[in-house]
Protein backbone atom coordinates (compact mmCIF):
# COMPACT_ATOMS: atom_id res chain seq x y z
CA UNK A 1 9.31 -30.46 33.67
CA UNK A 2 5.87 -31.55 32.36
CA UNK A 3 3.43 -33.56 34.18
CA UNK A 4 0.66 -35.16 32.80
CA UNK A 5 -2.06 -36.34 34.96
CA UNK A 6 -5.85 -36.71 34.47
CA UNK A 7 -7.77 -33.41 35.64
CA UNK A 8 -4.69 -32.08 37.52
CA UNK A 9 -3.44 -28.98 35.39
CA UNK A 10 -4.67 -26.61 32.92
CA UNK A 11 -3.50 -26.94 29.50
CA UNK A 12 -3.13 -24.37 26.72
CA UNK A 13 -1.71 -25.69 23.23
CA UNK A 14 -0.75 -22.76 20.34
CA UNK A 15 -0.12 -24.36 16.69
CA UNK A 16 2.29 -22.32 14.38
CA UNK A 17 3.18 -22.96 10.88
CA UNK A 18 6.90 -21.35 9.85
CA UNK A 19 9.49 -21.89 7.29
CA UNK A 20 11.78 -24.95 8.27
CA UNK A 21 14.74 -22.70 8.39
CA UNK A 22 12.95 -20.52 10.77
CA UNK A 23 11.14 -23.55 13.23
CA UNK A 24 14.03 -23.35 15.58
CA UNK A 25 14.27 -19.55 16.00
CA UNK A 26 10.90 -19.33 16.65
CA UNK A 27 10.79 -22.21 19.30
CA UNK A 28 13.95 -20.49 20.82
CA UNK A 29 12.52 -16.64 20.64
CA UNK A 30 9.23 -17.85 22.59
CA UNK A 31 11.14 -20.08 24.95
CA UNK A 32 13.40 -17.60 25.85
CA UNK A 33 10.38 -15.14 26.72
CA UNK A 34 8.77 -17.66 29.10
CA UNK A 35 11.94 -18.45 30.62
CA UNK A 36 12.26 -14.67 31.42
CA UNK A 37 9.03 -13.97 32.08
CA UNK A 38 6.50 -16.01 31.96
CA UNK A 39 7.20 -18.69 34.38
CA UNK A 40 7.23 -16.04 36.90
CA UNK A 41 3.87 -15.51 36.67
CA UNK A 42 1.80 -17.38 38.94
CA UNK A 43 0.25 -20.81 38.39
CA UNK A 44 2.68 -21.25 35.80
CA UNK A 45 3.90 -24.83 35.68
CA UNK A 46 5.31 -25.52 32.55
CA UNK A 47 6.00 -25.36 28.74
CA UNK A 48 6.81 -27.46 25.86
CA UNK A 49 7.83 -26.87 22.64
CA UNK A 50 7.50 -29.78 19.63
CA UNK A 51 8.91 -29.75 16.41
CA UNK A 52 7.46 -31.44 13.57
CA UNK A 53 9.93 -33.18 11.74
CA UNK A 54 9.17 -31.26 8.00
CA UNK A 55 10.21 -28.05 9.83
CA UNK A 56 6.87 -26.68 9.08
CA UNK A 57 5.26 -26.70 12.66
CA UNK A 58 5.50 -25.79 16.40
CA UNK A 59 3.59 -26.97 18.89
CA UNK A 60 3.68 -25.03 22.30
CA UNK A 61 2.05 -27.16 24.93
CA UNK A 62 1.93 -24.84 28.05
CA UNK A 63 0.40 -25.94 31.66
CA UNK A 64 -1.17 -23.87 34.42
CA UNK A 65 -2.52 -25.02 37.74
CA UNK A 66 -5.36 -23.71 36.75
CA UNK A 67 -7.85 -21.71 34.07
CA UNK A 68 -8.10 -19.06 36.40
CA UNK A 69 -4.33 -18.76 37.01
CA UNK A 70 -3.87 -18.78 32.84
CA UNK A 71 -6.81 -15.97 32.66
CA UNK A 72 -4.98 -13.59 34.81
CA UNK A 73 -1.68 -14.00 33.53
CA UNK A 74 -1.97 -11.07 31.16
CA UNK A 75 -2.38 -8.90 34.50
CA UNK A 76 1.15 -10.17 35.61
CA UNK A 77 4.26 -8.13 36.11
CA UNK A 78 5.76 -7.60 32.29
CA UNK A 79 3.07 -9.75 30.82
CA UNK A 80 2.98 -7.02 27.95
CA UNK A 81 6.67 -7.01 27.39
CA UNK A 82 6.52 -10.78 27.20
CA UNK A 83 3.47 -10.73 25.14
CA UNK A 84 4.90 -7.98 22.80
CA UNK A 85 8.31 -9.70 22.44
CA UNK A 86 6.57 -12.99 21.40
CA UNK A 87 4.43 -11.20 19.13
CA UNK A 88 8.06 -9.77 17.76
CA UNK A 89 9.51 -13.03 17.38
CA UNK A 90 6.46 -14.70 15.60
CA UNK A 91 6.36 -11.75 13.23
CA UNK A 92 10.40 -11.70 12.19
CA UNK A 93 9.99 -15.78 11.72
CA UNK A 94 6.87 -15.20 9.46
CA UNK A 95 5.39 -17.77 11.39
CA UNK A 96 1.29 -18.11 10.89
CA UNK A 97 -0.98 -19.30 13.95
CA UNK A 98 -2.74 -22.20 13.08
CA UNK A 99 -5.50 -22.06 15.42
CA UNK A 100 -5.69 -18.23 15.33
CA UNK A 101 -5.90 -18.37 19.44
CA UNK A 102 -4.55 -20.95 21.70
CA UNK A 103 -6.59 -24.26 22.32
CA UNK A 104 -7.22 -25.36 25.90
CA UNK A 105 -8.01 -28.58 27.10
CA UNK A 106 -7.75 -30.66 30.08
CA UNK A 107 -6.43 -33.87 30.43
CA UNK A 108 -9.01 -36.59 30.28
CA UNK A 109 -7.02 -39.73 30.26
CA UNK A 110 -3.79 -40.82 30.51
CA UNK A 111 -2.19 -44.28 29.53
CA UNK A 112 1.27 -45.22 30.53
CA UNK A 113 3.65 -47.80 30.03
CA UNK A 114 4.81 -49.02 33.41
CA UNK A 115 8.64 -49.05 33.18
């Protein structure tokens, strides 16, 4: 479950454009690889997938314990397999990365409603 706190986790966001009929396939395909491989990588916290109402965009919001753990992810076991599988899903769904690469962020401020 994602936890959003100021200066607690390192956040990476990737934005994709996709045909509406392939939006869910893109989400499921990437999420399956995260479930199978990436969630086992040291420092991984969570991945959330956001689907635009028009069906044309997907945002992947991923949290890591630190920037260093995210940068070391390509050295983790099965990282090549996961990367190749994710690239295959993106190609099969004819999705385009809006950002070219992922954007990285830190949570600078959070405003919450008290429940």
